[in-house]
Amino acid sequence: MYDEAYEVSTKIEDQIGAGESFDNIAKNVNAKIYTVKNLQENGQAQKTDASMKKITSSPDFIDMAFSYNAGEISQVIELDDGFTLLKVDAVYDSHAKDIND
């Protein structure tokens, strides 16, 4: 099983390196895409699938999510429940804006 997981993660990494889109990568490896909206550093999110809450609140996932820029696809990482990768769609500054803005 580990060999199969390694082969899939290598295939994904190769596709990322080749510039393949996130959607096509998921399709090519028959993976489901979940949306996490407004993830915070404490693991809370405005929107996420209930089955993903354990993953999205893990320190490794949060670190990964906050270390990429908008539009970037992460490397494949291994979590307790399997492998994951993510694409950051947008980054919102959490600082208060100037009153003129």
N, C-alpha and C. Protein backbone atom coordinates (compact mmCIF):
# COMPACT_ATOMS: atom_id res chain seq x y z
N MET A 1 0.83 -1.20 0.00
CA MET A 1 0.00 0.00 0.00
C MET A 1 0.87 1.25 0.00
N TYR A 2 1.97 1.23 0.77
CA TYR A 2 2.84 2.40 0.82
C TYR A 2 3.45 2.67 -0.56
N ASP A 3 3.82 1.60 -1.28
CA ASP A 3 4.38 1.77 -2.62
C ASP A 3 3.39 2.45 -3.56
N GLU A 4 2.11 2.06 -3.47
CA GLU A 4 1.08 2.67 -4.31
C GLU A 4 0.91 4.14 -3.96
N ALA A 5 0.91 4.46 -2.67
CA ALA A 5 0.77 5.85 -2.23
C ALA A 5 1.96 6.68 -2.72
N TYR A 6 3.15 6.11 -2.63
CA TYR A 6 4.34 6.80 -3.10
C TYR A 6 4.26 7.06 -4.61
N GLU A 7 3.79 6.07 -5.37
CA GLU A 7 3.66 6.23 -6.81
C GLU A 7 2.67 7.35 -7.16
N VAL A 8 1.54 7.38 -6.46
CA VAL A 8 0.54 8.42 -6.71
C VAL A 8 1.09 9.79 -6.35
N SER A 9 1.77 9.90 -5.19
CA SER A 9 2.31 11.20 -4.79
C SER A 9 3.39 11.66 -5.77
N THR A 10 4.19 10.75 -6.27
CA THR A 10 5.21 11.09 -7.27
C THR A 10 4.55 11.55 -8.57
N LYS A 11 3.49 10.87 -8.97
CA LYS A 11 2.75 11.26 -10.17
C LYS A 11 2.19 12.68 -10.01
N ILE A 12 1.65 12.97 -8.84
CA ILE A 12 1.10 14.30 -8.59
C ILE A 12 2.21 15.35 -8.63
N GLU A 13 3.33 15.08 -7.97
CA GLU A 13 4.46 16.02 -7.96
C GLU A 13 4.95 16.29 -9.38
N ASP A 14 5.01 15.25 -10.21
CA ASP A 14 5.43 15.43 -11.60
C ASP A 14 4.46 16.33 -12.35
N GLN A 15 3.17 16.16 -12.11
CA GLN A 15 2.16 16.98 -12.78
C GLN A 15 2.24 18.44 -12.31
N ILE A 16 2.50 18.64 -11.02
CA ILE A 16 2.66 20.00 -10.51
C ILE A 16 3.85 20.66 -11.20
N GLY A 17 4.96 19.92 -11.27
CA GLY A 17 6.17 20.44 -11.91
C GLY A 17 5.97 20.75 -13.39
N ALA A 18 5.08 20.02 -14.03
CA ALA A 18 4.80 20.23 -15.45
C ALA A 18 3.80 21.36 -15.68
N GLY A 19 3.28 21.95 -14.58
CA GLY A 19 2.36 23.07 -14.70
C GLY A 19 0.91 22.68 -14.91
N GLU A 20 0.58 21.44 -14.61
CA GLU A 20 -0.80 20.96 -14.78
C GLU A 20 -1.71 21.72 -13.81
N SER A 21 -2.96 21.92 -14.19
CA SER A 21 -3.90 22.62 -13.31
C SER A 21 -4.31 21.73 -12.16
N PHE A 22 -4.73 22.35 -11.08
CA PHE A 22 -5.18 21.64 -9.88
C PHE A 22 -6.34 20.70 -10.21
N ASP A 23 -7.30 21.21 -10.97
CA ASP A 23 -8.46 20.39 -11.34
C ASP A 23 -8.07 19.17 -12.16
N ASN A 24 -7.15 19.36 -13.10
CA ASN A 24 -6.71 18.23 -13.92
C ASN A 24 -5.91 17.21 -13.11
N ILE A 25 -5.11 17.69 -12.17
CA ILE A 25 -4.36 16.77 -11.31
C ILE A 25 -5.33 15.89 -10.54
N ALA A 26 -6.34 16.51 -9.95
CA ALA A 26 -7.34 15.74 -9.19
C ALA A 26 -8.04 14.73 -10.09
N LYS A 27 -8.39 15.15 -11.28
CA LYS A 27 -9.05 14.25 -12.22
C LYS A 27 -8.14 13.09 -12.60
N ASN A 28 -6.87 13.39 -12.85
CA ASN A 28 -5.93 12.37 -13.29
C ASN A 28 -5.67 11.29 -12.25
N VAL A 29 -5.80 11.62 -10.98
CA VAL A 29 -5.56 10.63 -9.92
C VAL A 29 -6.86 10.23 -9.22
N ASN A 30 -7.98 10.64 -9.81
CA ASN A 30 -9.30 10.29 -9.28
C ASN A 30 -9.47 10.73 -7.83
N ALA A 31 -9.10 11.99 -7.56
CA ALA A 31 -9.22 12.55 -6.21
C ALA A 31 -10.34 13.58 -6.16
N LYS A 32 -10.98 13.66 -5.04
CA LYS A 32 -12.05 14.62 -4.84
C LYS A 32 -11.47 15.95 -4.36
N ILE A 33 -12.06 17.04 -4.82
CA ILE A 33 -11.64 18.38 -4.40
C ILE A 33 -12.65 18.89 -3.38
N TYR A 34 -12.13 19.36 -2.25
CA TYR A 34 -12.96 19.97 -1.22
C TYR A 34 -12.61 21.45 -1.14
N THR A 35 -13.58 22.28 -0.83
CA THR A 35 -13.36 23.72 -0.69
C THR A 35 -13.35 24.08 0.79
N VAL A 36 -12.33 24.82 1.17
CA VAL A 36 -12.24 25.35 2.52
C VAL A 36 -12.23 26.86 2.36
N LYS A 37 -13.21 27.52 2.92
CA LYS A 37 -13.34 28.97 2.73
C LYS A 37 -12.97 29.71 4.01
N ASN A 38 -12.11 30.71 3.84
CA ASN A 38 -11.68 31.60 4.93
C ASN A 38 -11.06 30.82 6.10
N LEU A 39 -10.06 30.01 5.78
CA LEU A 39 -9.33 29.28 6.81
C LEU A 39 -8.56 30.26 7.69
N GLN A 40 -8.64 30.06 8.98
CA GLN A 40 -7.92 30.90 9.93
C GLN A 40 -6.77 30.09 10.53
N GLU A 41 -5.83 30.78 11.14
CA GLU A 41 -4.66 30.11 11.69
C GLU A 41 -4.98 29.16 12.84
N ASN A 42 -6.16 29.26 13.41
CA ASN A 42 -6.56 28.35 14.48
C ASN A 42 -7.30 27.12 13.95
N GLY A 43 -7.41 27.02 12.62
CA GLY A 43 -8.06 25.87 12.00
C GLY A 43 -9.54 26.06 11.74
N GLN A 44 -10.11 27.13 12.23
CA GLN A 44 -11.52 27.41 11.96
C GLN A 44 -11.68 27.88 10.52
N ALA A 45 -12.80 27.54 9.91
CA ALA A 45 -13.07 27.97 8.55
C ALA A 45 -14.54 28.35 8.43
N GLN A 46 -14.81 29.31 7.57
CA GLN A 46 -16.18 29.72 7.34
C GLN A 46 -16.96 28.61 6.66
N LYS A 47 -16.28 27.87 5.77
CA LYS A 47 -16.94 26.77 5.06
C LYS A 47 -15.94 25.65 4.85
N THR A 48 -16.35 24.45 5.20
CA THR A 48 -15.58 23.25 4.88
C THR A 48 -16.50 22.05 5.02
N ASP A 49 -16.20 21.00 4.32
CA ASP A 49 -16.96 19.76 4.42
C ASP A 49 -16.72 19.16 5.80
N ALA A 50 -17.76 18.65 6.42
CA ALA A 50 -17.64 18.09 7.77
C ALA A 50 -16.58 16.99 7.84
N SER A 51 -16.44 16.22 6.78
CA SER A 51 -15.46 15.14 6.78
C SER A 51 -14.02 15.66 6.72
N MET A 52 -13.85 16.93 6.42
CA MET A 52 -12.52 17.52 6.29
C MET A 52 -12.06 18.29 7.53
N LYS A 53 -12.92 18.47 8.51
CA LYS A 53 -12.57 19.30 9.67
C LYS A 53 -11.33 18.81 10.41
N LYS A 54 -11.17 17.50 10.54
CA LYS A 54 -9.99 16.97 11.23
C LYS A 54 -8.72 17.34 10.46
N ILE A 55 -8.78 17.22 9.15
CA ILE A 55 -7.62 17.53 8.31
C ILE A 55 -7.33 19.02 8.32
N THR A 56 -8.37 19.85 8.10
CA THR A 56 -8.15 21.29 8.00
C THR A 56 -7.75 21.93 9.32
N SER A 57 -7.97 21.25 10.41
CA SER A 57 -7.55 21.80 11.71
C SER A 57 -6.20 21.24 12.16
N SER A 58 -5.59 20.37 11.38
CA SER A 58 -4.29 19.82 11.76
C SER A 58 -3.21 20.87 11.56
N PRO A 59 -2.24 20.94 12.46
CA PRO A 59 -1.16 21.94 12.33
C PRO A 59 -0.40 21.85 11.01
N ASP A 60 -0.19 20.64 10.49
CA ASP A 60 0.53 20.49 9.23
C ASP A 60 -0.25 21.11 8.06
N PHE A 61 -1.56 20.89 8.03
CA PHE A 61 -2.39 21.46 6.97
C PHE A 61 -2.41 22.98 7.08
N ILE A 62 -2.58 23.49 8.28
CA ILE A 62 -2.62 24.94 8.48
C ILE A 62 -1.29 25.58 8.07
N ASP A 63 -0.18 24.97 8.50
CA ASP A 63 1.14 25.49 8.10
C ASP A 63 1.27 25.50 6.59
N MET A 64 0.82 24.44 5.95
CA MET A 64 0.91 24.35 4.50
C MET A 64 0.05 25.43 3.85
N ALA A 65 -1.16 25.60 4.33
CA ALA A 65 -2.07 26.57 3.73
C ALA A 65 -1.54 27.99 3.82
N PHE A 66 -0.86 28.30 4.92
CA PHE A 66 -0.38 29.66 5.11
C PHE A 66 1.05 29.88 4.58
N SER A 67 1.61 28.89 3.92
CA SER A 67 2.96 29.07 3.40
C SER A 67 2.98 29.21 1.87
N TYR A 68 1.82 29.22 1.24
CA TYR A 68 1.74 29.37 -0.20
C TYR A 68 1.00 30.65 -0.56
N ASN A 69 1.32 31.20 -1.73
CA ASN A 69 0.68 32.40 -2.23
C ASN A 69 -0.55 32.03 -3.05
N ALA A 70 -1.38 33.01 -3.29
CA ALA A 70 -2.58 32.79 -4.10
C ALA A 70 -2.19 32.24 -5.46
N GLY A 71 -2.90 31.20 -5.89
CA GLY A 71 -2.67 30.58 -7.18
C GLY A 71 -1.67 29.44 -7.16
N GLU A 72 -0.97 29.28 -6.06
CA GLU A 72 0.04 28.21 -5.99
C GLU A 72 -0.58 26.90 -5.54
N ILE A 73 -0.01 25.81 -6.06
CA ILE A 73 -0.40 24.46 -5.64
C ILE A 73 0.71 23.94 -4.74
N SER A 74 0.33 23.40 -3.61
CA SER A 74 1.31 22.91 -2.64
C SER A 74 1.94 21.61 -3.11
N GLN A 75 2.98 21.22 -2.41
CA GLN A 75 3.53 19.89 -2.60
C GLN A 75 2.61 18.90 -1.89
N VAL A 76 2.74 17.65 -2.20
CA VAL A 76 1.98 16.61 -1.52
C VAL A 76 2.58 16.41 -0.14
N ILE A 77 1.73 16.43 0.88
CA ILE A 77 2.21 16.14 2.23
C ILE A 77 1.41 14.98 2.80
N GLU A 78 2.06 14.25 3.69
CA GLU A 78 1.41 13.12 4.35
C GLU A 78 0.89 13.58 5.70
N LEU A 79 -0.39 13.37 5.92
CA LEU A 79 -1.02 13.64 7.21
C LEU A 79 -1.38 12.31 7.84
N ASP A 80 -1.89 12.34 9.04
CA ASP A 80 -2.26 11.11 9.74
C ASP A 80 -3.27 10.27 8.95
N ASP A 81 -4.16 10.93 8.21
CA ASP A 81 -5.23 10.23 7.51
C ASP A 81 -4.97 10.03 6.02
N GLY A 82 -3.75 10.31 5.57
CA GLY A 82 -3.45 10.13 4.16
C GLY A 82 -2.65 11.28 3.60
N PHE A 83 -2.70 11.42 2.28
CA PHE A 83 -1.97 12.47 1.59
C PHE A 83 -2.92 13.59 1.20
N THR A 84 -2.39 14.79 1.12
CA THR A 84 -3.20 15.92 0.67
C THR A 84 -2.32 16.93 -0.03
N LEU A 85 -2.95 17.73 -0.84
CA LEU A 85 -2.31 18.90 -1.40
C LEU A 85 -3.39 19.96 -1.51
N LEU A 86 -2.97 21.20 -1.68
CA LEU A 86 -3.97 22.25 -1.74
C LEU A 86 -3.56 23.33 -2.71
N LYS A 87 -4.54 24.09 -3.12
CA LYS A 87 -4.31 25.26 -3.95
C LYS A 87 -4.93 26.44 -3.22
N VAL A 88 -4.17 27.49 -3.06
CA VAL A 88 -4.65 28.70 -2.40
C VAL A 88 -5.31 29.55 -3.48
N ASP A 89 -6.60 29.82 -3.31
CA ASP A 89 -7.31 30.65 -4.29
C ASP A 89 -7.12 32.14 -4.01
N ALA A 90 -7.10 32.50 -2.74
CA ALA A 90 -6.96 33.92 -2.39
C ALA A 90 -6.38 34.04 -1.00
N VAL A 91 -5.72 35.16 -0.77
CA VAL A 91 -5.17 35.47 0.55
C VAL A 91 -5.77 36.80 0.98
N TYR A 92 -6.34 36.82 2.16
CA TYR A 92 -6.94 38.03 2.68
C TYR A 92 -6.13 38.53 3.86
N ASP A 93 -5.77 39.79 3.82
CA ASP A 93 -5.01 40.41 4.89
C ASP A 93 -5.92 40.54 6.11
N SER A 94 -5.45 40.04 7.23
CA SER A 94 -6.27 40.07 8.44
C SER A 94 -6.11 41.36 9.23
N HIS A 95 -5.25 42.24 8.78
CA HIS A 95 -5.06 43.51 9.47
C HIS A 95 -6.19 44.47 9.15
N ALA A 96 -6.50 45.28 10.12
CA ALA A 96 -7.55 46.29 9.89
C ALA A 96 -7.07 47.26 8.82
N LYS A 97 -7.96 47.59 7.90
CA LYS A 97 -7.63 48.54 6.86
C LYS A 97 -7.72 49.96 7.38
N ASP A 98 -6.99 50.84 6.74
CA ASP A 98 -7.07 52.26 7.06
C ASP A 98 -8.50 52.73 6.87
N ILE A 99 -8.94 53.63 7.68
CA ILE A 99 -10.33 54.11 7.61
C ILE A 99 -10.65 54.69 6.24
N ASN A 100 -9.66 55.22 5.54
CA ASN A 100 -9.90 55.78 4.21
C ASN A 100 -10.09 54.69 3.14
N ASP A 101 -9.68 53.48 3.46
CA ASP A 101 -9.84 52.38 2.51
C ASP A 101 -11.19 51.73 2.69
